[in-house]
Protein backbone atom coordinates (compact mmCIF):
# COMPACT_ATOMS: atom_id res chain seq x y z
CA MET A 1 -52.82 55.04 -45.48
CA GLU A 2 -53.66 53.08 -42.83
CA SER A 3 -50.94 51.59 -40.51
CA SER A 4 -50.91 47.96 -39.96
CA ASN A 5 -50.53 46.41 -36.05
CA ARG A 6 -47.65 44.77 -36.75
CA ARG A 7 -46.20 43.17 -34.22
CA LEU A 8 -42.63 42.67 -33.19
CA ILE A 9 -41.60 39.14 -32.66
CA ARG A 10 -38.13 38.01 -30.83
CA PRO A 11 -37.26 35.80 -28.19
CA PRO A 12 -37.61 35.90 -24.76
CA LEU A 13 -34.82 38.00 -22.50
CA ALA A 14 -34.45 35.25 -21.01
CA GLU A 15 -33.37 32.43 -23.63
CA SER A 16 -30.91 35.23 -25.09
CA LYS A 17 -29.24 35.62 -21.50
CA GLN A 18 -28.57 31.90 -21.62
CA ASN A 19 -27.55 31.36 -25.28
CA TYR A 20 -25.13 34.33 -24.46
CA ALA A 21 -23.33 32.86 -21.38
CA ALA A 22 -22.98 29.21 -23.10
CA LYS A 23 -21.44 30.25 -25.55
CA ASN A 24 -19.09 32.76 -23.63
CA VAL A 25 -17.84 29.59 -21.40
CA LYS A 26 -17.05 28.08 -24.12
CA SER A 27 -14.98 30.69 -25.43
CA MET A 28 -13.36 31.90 -22.52
CA LYS A 29 -10.04 31.85 -22.50
CA PRO A 30 -8.01 33.07 -19.19
CA PRO A 31 -6.53 35.92 -19.56
CA ILE A 32 -2.84 36.24 -20.38
CA LYS A 33 -0.96 38.41 -18.25
CA LYS A 34 0.97 40.79 -19.80
CA GLN A 35 4.74 40.17 -18.26
CA THR A 36 6.31 43.83 -16.42
CA PRO A 37 8.97 45.59 -18.24
CA PRO A 38 12.43 45.46 -16.76
CA ASP A 39 13.58 47.98 -14.04
CA THR A 40 16.71 49.04 -16.37
CA THR A 41 17.14 48.87 -19.53
CA ASN A 42 20.83 49.12 -19.43
CA ALA A 43 21.52 51.79 -21.69
CA GLU A 44 22.49 54.49 -19.79
CA ASN A 45 25.11 52.04 -18.39
CA PHE A 46 25.97 51.00 -22.50
CA TYR A 47 26.49 54.78 -23.63
CA TYR A 48 28.75 55.56 -20.27
CA VAL A 49 30.85 52.58 -20.88
CA LYS A 50 31.11 53.65 -24.65
CA GLN A 51 32.17 57.71 -24.30
CA MET A 52 34.71 55.95 -21.27
CA GLN A 53 36.60 53.31 -23.75
CA SER A 54 36.73 55.67 -26.67
CA LYS A 55 37.75 58.71 -24.01
CA THR A 56 35.38 61.07 -25.99
CA PRO A 57 35.23 64.30 -24.62
CA MET A 58 32.31 65.42 -23.33
CA VAL A 59 30.38 68.10 -21.96
CA VAL A 60 27.99 68.36 -18.99
CA VAL A 61 25.34 71.09 -18.29
CA LEU A 62 23.97 71.10 -14.90
CA ARG A 63 20.76 72.29 -13.74
CA ASP A 64 21.93 75.57 -13.22
CA GLY A 65 23.25 76.06 -16.57
CA GLU A 66 27.30 75.91 -16.06
CA GLU A 67 29.11 73.61 -18.27
CA LEU A 68 31.47 71.21 -17.59
CA ASN A 69 34.24 69.86 -20.37
CA GLY A 70 36.34 66.36 -19.87
CA VAL A 71 36.60 62.63 -20.17
CA ILE A 72 34.96 60.90 -18.53
CA GLU A 73 36.81 58.19 -16.06
CA TRP A 74 34.29 56.16 -14.36
CA TYR A 75 30.49 56.05 -12.96
CA ASP A 76 28.09 54.00 -10.98
CA LYS A 77 24.59 54.34 -9.55
CA GLY A 78 24.50 57.94 -8.10
CA CYS A 79 27.44 59.83 -9.91
CA ILE A 80 30.86 60.37 -12.45
CA LYS A 81 33.72 61.28 -12.59
CA LEU A 82 34.65 63.70 -14.71
CA ASN A 83 38.38 63.76 -15.46
CA ARG A 84 39.69 67.91 -16.95
CA ASP A 85 42.23 69.19 -18.36
CA GLU A 86 41.41 73.02 -17.67
CA GLY A 87 41.04 71.77 -13.83
CA PRO A 88 41.12 69.67 -11.25
CA ASN A 89 38.78 66.43 -11.15
CA LEU A 90 35.36 67.08 -10.64
CA LEU A 91 33.35 64.42 -8.80
CA VAL A 92 30.08 65.14 -10.45
CA TYR A 93 26.27 63.81 -8.92
CA LYS A 94 24.03 62.73 -11.89
CA SER A 95 21.01 64.13 -9.84
CA PHE A 96 22.35 68.01 -10.62
CA ILE A 97 23.20 67.13 -14.26
CA LYS A 98 20.18 68.68 -16.78
CA TYR A 99 22.06 66.73 -19.59
CA MET A 100 25.78 65.40 -21.52
CA TYR A 101 25.83 65.50 -25.19
CA LYS A 102 30.19 65.14 -27.20
CA ALA A 103 32.71 67.94 -27.10
């Protein structure tokens, strides 16, 4: 079996680059910028307000494992005030809270 000398016919590379560039220039649109997400979702605020209005008994677990029971009276950016029946009311810094849940 003899191999035939076939010649591959293709357009010059410069010509295909020009065609590709011309197609892309026509179809190019300015990129759409994604909006930055909001800094706060207000979910934390909504949760605190809901628990304060219904005076839900809460358990606050601190980073060292200590559990505090009480009702959230108010909150701000850095702390919450916890009203307790079995002890004095406490001002707890949010940075010291590991998690909290409804009692």
